[in-house]
Amino acid sequence: MNWRLAAIPATLIPILIIAIQFDIKLEDVLAIGIFPFVGAIVAMMIKLGLQGIKFAYITRKYLGNFDSILKLTGVRVGSEFIKFTTPMFIGAEFIVIYYLHKKGVKPSKSTWIAIMDIVTEVFAAGLLSIIAGIIALLNGAYVVAAVVLGTSIVVTSLWMVLFFLSSKRTFQVPQVLGKLAKRFAKEKGVKYIEQTNSWMEEVCTMSRENLKTSESKKVFTISFLFSLASWSFYGISFMIIAMGTGYVINAFDSIMAVMGANAIGNLPITIGGSGLAEFGIVAYLNNLNPFDFDASQGGLAWDAVIGWRIATYYVPIVITWLLLVKLALSRISKPQAT
C-alpha cells in the first residue's frame, strides 16, 4: 500500500505542467473562493456516499443484516482510494471482496456482490459518457468524440457482455495461461489454476442462479439508478466550481463535460487519470483536439479545472485513505460465517 501513497505526488506532475504552460498561479486557484470549493467537495462526497449506500444495499440484499449500513458504506467509500491511485480507475472491487471474505463470506458470494456493484457503476458511467460522446460528435468535436465513444463503448460493452455471459457459460483460466503457470510454478501453479477455475465456476453458478430472478433484476435496477445519481453529483461538482470563476454552465452540460473527461481519464496512461481528466474537460467544453495543448488557450479558464480537480480528487483521496485503513483494512477478530 505504501507505493500507492508514493504514487500520489506523481499525479501532481501533469497539474504542474498545466500550471506552467498556461501561467496559472496559486492565487488564481484561491480566487475561486471557499464556498465553491466546499460546495464541490460536498457534491463529490455525496457521490461517494451514494456509491457506498448502493454497496450496502446490494450486500444486505444478498447477505441479510450482515453488517451495519454505515460500516459497509464506509468500506466502499474507502475502497475508492485504490481507484484513485491506479490507471483506468480499477481496484476498488478487490478491497470489498477482501473485506467480505475477511468477515467470513465465501469468495464466490463476495465476488458476486462486488461484480453487481461494479457492473452497475460501469453501466451508468458508460451510458452517460456515450451520451456525452454523441453530443461532442454532433458539435463537430470529432477527435474528442472518438476518444470518449471509443473508450466508453469498449469498457462498457466488455463488462456488460462478461456479466450477462457468465449466466450462460462457465469461464475458466485460458489454457495458454494455465500451461505457463504449470510450467513455471510447477505444483503450486497447478494448485492456483485449479483454485481459480473452481472460484470462477462458483461465481458463474451464482450468476446463473441470480440473474434470472425477479429479486436480482430489482437489485440491479435500483443499483443502476443509485449509480446514475452518484455520477450526476460528480458532474455537478464542476458547475459549482465554475461559478467561482464566473464561467456559466448548466447542470446537464456540466455532467456531460465531466463524464466525457472521465472517459478520457479512463485511458490507462496516467495514475488516477491525472492530466487526462483535466485536459479532457477543457477539450470537451471548447470542442478542441485533446492532444493539442495550445488549442485551449483563451478558452475555459484553467483555474476552474485545477480547482475542480483539487476538490474532487485530492481532498477525497485523503478521506478515502482514512476510511480504507480504519474500516476495510482493520483487523476483525471474529468473522461471521455466511
Protein backbone atom coordinates (compact mmCIF):
# COMPACT_ATOMS: atom_id res chain seq x y z
CA MET A 1 0.00 0.00 0.00
CA ASN A 2 2.96 2.33 0.61
CA TRP A 3 3.73 2.51 -3.11
CA ARG A 4 0.25 3.93 -3.69
CA LEU A 5 0.99 6.75 -1.25
CA ALA A 6 4.25 7.37 -3.07
CA ALA A 7 2.37 7.46 -6.38
CA ILE A 8 0.16 10.36 -5.28
CA PRO A 9 2.88 13.04 -5.76
CA ALA A 10 3.33 11.70 -9.31
CA THR A 11 -0.24 12.77 -10.09
CA LEU A 12 0.79 16.36 -9.40
CA ILE A 13 3.23 16.41 -12.31
CA PRO A 14 0.57 16.95 -15.04
CA ILE A 15 -1.03 19.63 -12.84
CA LEU A 16 2.29 21.46 -12.58
CA ILE A 17 2.87 21.19 -16.33
CA ILE A 18 -0.58 22.67 -16.99
CA ALA A 19 0.02 25.46 -14.46
CA ILE A 20 3.35 26.38 -16.08
CA GLN A 21 2.05 26.07 -19.64
CA PHE A 22 -0.93 28.35 -19.04
CA ASP A 23 0.63 30.57 -16.35
CA ILE A 24 -1.78 29.51 -13.60
CA LYS A 25 -0.74 30.83 -10.20
CA LEU A 26 -1.85 29.72 -6.75
CA GLU A 27 -3.75 32.95 -6.22
CA ASP A 28 -5.74 32.25 -9.41
CA VAL A 29 -7.00 28.99 -7.94
CA LEU A 30 -7.63 30.52 -4.50
CA ALA A 31 -9.63 33.31 -6.15
CA ILE A 32 -12.37 30.76 -6.89
CA GLY A 33 -13.50 31.21 -3.28
CA ILE A 34 -14.08 28.95 -0.30
CA PHE A 35 -17.79 28.34 -0.91
CA PRO A 36 -17.42 26.91 -4.45
CA PHE A 37 -14.58 24.70 -3.19
CA VAL A 38 -16.62 23.43 -0.26
CA GLY A 39 -19.69 23.01 -2.46
CA ALA A 40 -17.74 20.91 -4.97
CA ILE A 41 -16.24 18.80 -2.19
CA VAL A 42 -19.73 18.23 -0.74
CA ALA A 43 -21.03 17.20 -4.16
CA MET A 44 -18.13 14.76 -4.54
CA MET A 45 -18.69 13.29 -1.08
CA ILE A 46 -22.39 12.82 -1.88
CA LYS A 47 -21.26 10.97 -4.99
CA LEU A 48 -19.01 8.68 -2.94
CA GLY A 49 -21.67 8.32 -0.25
CA LEU A 50 -24.26 7.15 -2.78
CA GLN A 51 -21.76 4.58 -4.05
CA GLY A 52 -21.31 3.36 -0.50
CA ILE A 53 -25.04 3.18 0.20
CA LYS A 54 -25.52 1.23 -3.03
CA PHE A 55 -22.90 -1.30 -1.96
CA ALA A 56 -24.54 -1.62 1.46
CA TYR A 57 -27.91 -2.16 -0.25
CA ILE A 58 -26.55 -4.90 -2.53
CA THR A 59 -24.67 -6.61 0.31
CA ARG A 60 -27.62 -6.68 2.70
CA LYS A 61 -29.95 -7.89 -0.05
CA TYR A 62 -27.79 -10.97 -0.58
CA LEU A 63 -26.49 -11.47 2.97
CA GLY A 64 -29.30 -10.13 5.15
CA ASN A 65 -28.39 -7.98 8.17
CA PHE A 66 -24.76 -8.89 7.63
CA ASP A 67 -23.18 -5.65 8.80
CA SER A 68 -24.24 -2.11 9.60
CA ILE A 69 -25.17 0.11 6.67
CA LEU A 70 -22.80 2.80 7.96
CA LYS A 71 -19.79 0.47 8.07
CA LEU A 72 -20.50 -1.08 4.67
CA THR A 73 -20.85 2.41 3.23
CA GLY A 74 -17.56 3.48 4.79
CA VAL A 75 -15.75 0.40 3.45
CA ARG A 76 -17.00 1.07 -0.06
CA VAL A 77 -16.04 4.75 0.08
CA GLY A 78 -12.62 3.79 1.43
CA SER A 79 -12.11 1.34 -1.44
CA GLU A 80 -12.20 4.28 -3.86
CA PHE A 81 -8.67 5.15 -2.74
CA ILE A 82 -7.44 2.21 -4.81
CA LYS A 83 -9.24 3.54 -7.89
CA PHE A 84 -7.76 6.99 -7.31
CA THR A 85 -4.23 5.59 -7.35
CA THR A 86 -4.37 3.19 -10.31
CA PRO A 87 -4.56 3.77 -14.08
CA MET A 88 -8.05 3.32 -15.55
CA PHE A 89 -9.74 3.64 -12.12
CA ILE A 90 -9.72 -0.06 -11.21
CA GLY A 91 -9.11 -1.95 -7.97
CA ALA A 92 -11.92 -0.96 -5.58
CA GLU A 93 -13.67 -4.29 -6.16
CA PHE A 94 -10.69 -6.19 -4.70
CA ILE A 95 -11.00 -4.26 -1.43
CA VAL A 96 -14.68 -5.07 -0.95
CA ILE A 97 -14.06 -8.73 -1.85
CA TYR A 98 -11.23 -8.81 0.68
CA TYR A 99 -13.41 -7.20 3.37
CA LEU A 100 -16.36 -9.53 2.83
CA HIS A 101 -14.10 -12.58 2.74
CA LYS A 102 -12.43 -11.40 5.95
CA LYS A 103 -15.88 -11.26 7.52
CA GLY A 104 -16.46 -14.91 6.62
CA VAL A 105 -18.31 -14.59 3.29
CA LYS A 106 -17.48 -17.23 0.68
CA PRO A 107 -15.19 -15.91 -2.11
CA SER A 108 -17.79 -16.68 -4.79
CA LYS A 109 -20.54 -14.76 -2.98
CA SER A 110 -18.32 -11.79 -2.10
CA THR A 111 -17.16 -11.67 -5.73
CA TRP A 112 -20.75 -11.75 -6.97
CA ILE A 113 -21.66 -8.79 -4.73
CA ALA A 114 -18.59 -6.86 -5.93
CA ILE A 115 -19.43 -7.64 -9.56
CA MET A 116 -23.03 -6.44 -9.15
CA ASP A 117 -21.66 -3.23 -7.62
CA ILE A 118 -19.01 -2.54 -10.28
CA VAL A 119 -21.15 -3.52 -13.28
CA THR A 120 -23.94 -1.09 -12.36
CA GLU A 121 -21.28 1.57 -11.77
CA VAL A 122 -19.65 0.97 -15.16
CA PHE A 123 -23.01 0.75 -16.95
CA ALA A 124 -24.22 4.09 -15.56
CA ALA A 125 -20.90 5.86 -16.22
CA GLY A 126 -20.68 4.31 -19.69
CA LEU A 127 -24.19 5.37 -20.62
CA LEU A 128 -23.60 8.98 -19.55
CA SER A 129 -20.21 9.07 -21.30
CA ILE A 130 -21.67 7.67 -24.52
CA ILE A 131 -24.33 10.41 -24.48
CA ALA A 132 -21.53 12.96 -23.91
CA GLY A 133 -19.60 11.48 -26.83
CA ILE A 134 -22.62 11.68 -29.13
CA ILE A 135 -23.14 15.34 -28.18
CA ALA A 136 -19.46 16.06 -28.89
CA LEU A 137 -19.81 14.35 -32.27
CA LEU A 138 -22.88 16.42 -33.16
CA ASN A 139 -20.96 19.60 -32.23
CA GLY A 140 -18.11 18.72 -34.55
CA ALA A 141 -15.56 17.77 -31.88
CA TYR A 142 -14.61 14.64 -33.80
CA VAL A 143 -11.37 13.73 -32.02
CA VAL A 144 -12.90 14.28 -28.58
CA ALA A 145 -15.95 12.26 -29.60
CA ALA A 146 -13.78 9.44 -30.96
CA VAL A 147 -11.80 9.13 -27.72
CA VAL A 148 -14.87 9.39 -25.48
CA LEU A 149 -17.00 6.97 -27.52
CA GLY A 150 -14.14 4.57 -28.18
CA THR A 151 -13.22 4.27 -24.50
CA SER A 152 -16.80 4.22 -23.20
CA ILE A 153 -18.18 1.70 -25.67
CA VAL A 154 -15.26 -0.72 -25.28
CA VAL A 155 -15.17 -0.65 -21.46
CA THR A 156 -18.96 -0.72 -21.01
CA SER A 157 -19.52 -3.45 -23.60
CA LEU A 158 -16.76 -5.63 -22.15
CA TRP A 159 -18.18 -5.51 -18.63
CA MET A 160 -21.80 -5.99 -19.69
CA VAL A 161 -21.06 -8.86 -22.07
CA LEU A 162 -18.97 -10.71 -19.49
CA PHE A 163 -21.57 -10.07 -16.80
CA PHE A 164 -24.54 -11.45 -18.73
CA LEU A 165 -22.48 -14.12 -20.49
CA SER A 166 -21.47 -15.52 -17.10
CA SER A 167 -25.04 -16.77 -16.70
CA LYS A 168 -24.80 -18.68 -19.97
CA ARG A 169 -21.40 -20.36 -19.66
CA THR A 170 -18.68 -21.15 -17.16
CA PHE A 171 -15.47 -19.18 -17.54
CA GLN A 172 -12.12 -20.83 -16.88
CA VAL A 173 -8.49 -19.70 -16.95
CA PRO A 174 -7.33 -19.63 -20.61
CA GLN A 175 -5.32 -22.74 -21.46
CA VAL A 176 -2.31 -20.67 -22.51
CA LEU A 177 -2.08 -19.04 -19.07
CA GLY A 178 -2.73 -22.38 -17.41
CA LYS A 179 0.15 -24.04 -19.26
CA LEU A 180 2.50 -21.17 -18.44
CA ALA A 181 1.58 -21.32 -14.75
CA LYS A 182 2.09 -25.07 -14.64
CA ARG A 183 5.40 -24.80 -16.47
CA PHE A 184 6.98 -22.09 -14.34
CA ALA A 185 5.28 -22.63 -10.96
CA LYS A 186 5.10 -26.44 -11.12
CA GLU A 187 2.84 -27.92 -8.40
CA LYS A 188 1.93 -24.53 -6.98
CA GLY A 189 0.93 -23.39 -10.45
CA VAL A 190 -1.38 -26.40 -10.85
CA LYS A 191 -2.88 -25.70 -7.42
CA TYR A 192 -3.52 -22.00 -8.15
CA ILE A 193 -5.06 -22.74 -11.54
CA GLU A 194 -7.39 -25.33 -10.03
CA GLN A 195 -8.40 -22.95 -7.24
CA THR A 196 -9.02 -20.11 -9.71
CA ASN A 197 -11.09 -22.33 -12.00
CA SER A 198 -13.13 -23.56 -9.04
CA TRP A 199 -13.73 -19.98 -7.87
CA MET A 200 -14.75 -18.84 -11.38
CA GLU A 201 -17.12 -21.81 -11.70
CA GLU A 202 -18.79 -20.88 -8.40
CA VAL A 203 -19.18 -17.25 -9.49
CA CYS A 204 -20.74 -18.29 -12.81
CA THR A 205 -23.05 -20.68 -10.97
CA MET A 206 -24.19 -17.82 -8.74
CA SER A 207 -24.71 -15.70 -11.83
CA ARG A 208 -26.99 -18.35 -13.36
CA GLU A 209 -28.90 -18.71 -10.12
CA ASN A 210 -29.39 -15.00 -9.51
CA LEU A 211 -29.60 -13.14 -12.81
CA LYS A 212 -32.90 -14.72 -13.83
CA THR A 213 -34.67 -13.98 -10.54
CA SER A 214 -37.00 -11.01 -10.19
CA GLU A 215 -35.25 -10.03 -6.96
CA SER A 216 -31.85 -9.72 -8.66
CA LYS A 217 -33.38 -7.76 -11.52
CA LYS A 218 -34.81 -5.37 -8.93
CA VAL A 219 -31.43 -5.10 -7.17
CA PHE A 220 -29.71 -4.40 -10.50
CA THR A 221 -32.23 -1.71 -11.47
CA ILE A 222 -32.12 0.11 -8.13
CA SER A 223 -28.31 -0.12 -8.02
CA PHE A 224 -28.13 1.30 -11.55
CA LEU A 225 -30.30 4.26 -10.51
CA PHE A 226 -28.05 4.84 -7.49
CA SER A 227 -25.08 4.90 -9.85
CA LEU A 228 -26.74 7.38 -12.21
CA ALA A 229 -27.42 9.68 -9.26
CA SER A 230 -23.87 9.38 -7.91
CA TRP A 231 -22.26 10.16 -11.28
CA SER A 232 -24.64 13.11 -11.70
CA PHE A 233 -23.38 14.65 -8.45
CA TYR A 234 -19.83 14.16 -9.73
CA GLY A 235 -20.78 16.10 -12.86
CA ILE A 236 -22.48 18.88 -10.91
CA SER A 237 -19.31 19.40 -8.86
CA PHE A 238 -17.72 21.17 -11.84
CA MET A 239 -20.69 23.52 -12.25
CA ILE A 240 -20.26 24.57 -8.61
CA ILE A 241 -16.54 25.27 -9.05
CA ALA A 242 -17.15 27.11 -12.33
CA MET A 243 -19.47 29.54 -10.52
CA GLY A 244 -16.47 30.79 -8.56
CA THR A 245 -14.67 31.80 -11.77
CA GLY A 246 -17.65 33.39 -13.48
CA TYR A 247 -17.85 30.59 -16.07
CA VAL A 248 -21.55 29.89 -16.65
CA ILE A 249 -22.56 26.28 -17.31
CA ASN A 250 -25.82 24.46 -16.62
CA ALA A 251 -26.10 21.17 -14.73
CA PHE A 252 -26.62 18.98 -17.81
CA ASP A 253 -23.65 20.42 -19.72
CA SER A 254 -21.51 20.12 -16.60
CA ILE A 255 -22.43 16.44 -16.19
CA MET A 256 -21.72 15.76 -19.86
CA ALA A 257 -18.36 17.56 -19.73
CA VAL A 258 -17.25 15.71 -16.60
CA MET A 259 -18.38 12.32 -17.92
CA GLY A 260 -16.62 12.99 -21.20
CA ALA A 261 -13.49 13.89 -19.24
CA ASN A 262 -13.99 10.78 -17.08
CA ALA A 263 -13.98 8.60 -20.20
CA ILE A 264 -10.76 10.22 -21.43
CA GLY A 265 -9.27 9.81 -17.94
CA ASN A 266 -10.05 6.09 -18.13
CA LEU A 267 -7.30 5.66 -20.71
CA PRO A 268 -4.62 3.60 -18.89
CA ILE A 269 -1.90 6.21 -19.29
CA THR A 270 -1.56 8.10 -16.01
CA ILE A 271 -2.29 7.38 -12.35
CA GLY A 272 -5.86 8.39 -11.48
CA GLY A 273 -6.25 9.91 -14.95
CA SER A 274 -4.10 12.84 -13.85
CA GLY A 275 -3.75 15.37 -16.67
CA LEU A 276 -6.13 13.44 -18.92
CA ALA A 277 -9.26 14.34 -16.97
CA GLU A 278 -8.25 17.99 -16.69
CA PHE A 279 -7.48 18.41 -20.36
CA GLY A 280 -10.47 16.28 -21.29
CA ILE A 281 -12.96 18.62 -19.64
CA VAL A 282 -11.47 21.66 -21.41
CA ALA A 283 -11.33 19.81 -24.71
CA TYR A 284 -14.95 18.75 -24.40
CA LEU A 285 -16.33 22.18 -23.49
CA ASN A 286 -14.29 24.00 -26.15
CA ASN A 287 -14.63 21.40 -28.94
CA LEU A 288 -10.86 21.05 -29.06
CA ASN A 289 -8.32 18.48 -30.09
CA PRO A 290 -7.41 16.78 -26.76
CA PHE A 291 -3.86 16.18 -28.00
CA ASP A 292 -3.14 19.86 -28.78
CA PHE A 293 -2.29 21.84 -25.62
CA ASP A 294 -2.07 25.15 -27.47
CA ALA A 295 -5.63 24.82 -28.72
CA SER A 296 -7.24 25.58 -25.38
CA GLN A 297 -5.50 28.87 -24.65
CA GLY A 298 -8.04 31.64 -24.26
CA GLY A 299 -10.92 29.21 -23.73
CA LEU A 300 -12.32 27.85 -20.49
CA ALA A 301 -10.25 29.13 -17.55
CA TRP A 302 -7.76 26.54 -16.36
CA ASP A 303 -8.05 27.73 -12.75
CA ALA A 304 -11.60 26.33 -12.67
CA VAL A 305 -10.39 22.97 -13.95
CA ILE A 306 -7.50 22.77 -11.48
CA GLY A 307 -9.80 23.85 -8.66
CA TRP A 308 -12.28 21.15 -9.67
CA ARG A 309 -9.51 18.54 -9.68
CA ILE A 310 -8.37 19.52 -6.19
CA ALA A 311 -11.91 19.39 -4.82
CA THR A 312 -12.89 16.10 -6.46
CA TYR A 313 -9.61 14.18 -6.35
CA TYR A 314 -7.00 15.41 -3.88
CA VAL A 315 -9.39 16.13 -0.99
CA PRO A 316 -11.37 12.86 -1.39
CA ILE A 317 -8.15 10.85 -1.71
CA VAL A 318 -7.28 11.79 1.88
CA ILE A 319 -10.77 10.91 3.16
CA THR A 320 -10.90 7.59 1.31
CA TRP A 321 -7.44 6.66 2.59
CA LEU A 322 -8.53 7.20 6.19
CA LEU A 323 -11.68 5.11 5.70
CA LEU A 324 -9.73 2.39 3.91
CA VAL A 325 -7.26 1.99 6.77
CA LYS A 326 -9.84 2.42 9.53
CA LEU A 327 -12.53 0.10 8.15
CA ALA A 328 -11.60 -2.08 5.17
CA LEU A 329 -8.08 -2.98 6.32
CA SER A 330 -8.72 -3.11 10.07
CA ARG A 331 -8.35 -6.41 11.90
CA ILE A 332 -11.54 -8.40 12.51
CA SER A 333 -11.21 -10.90 15.34
CA LYS A 334 -14.44 -12.84 14.93
CA PRO A 335 -15.53 -13.31 11.30
CA GLN A 336 -19.15 -14.22 10.70
CA ALA A 337 -19.92 -17.39 8.79
CA THR A 338 -22.03 -16.69 5.69
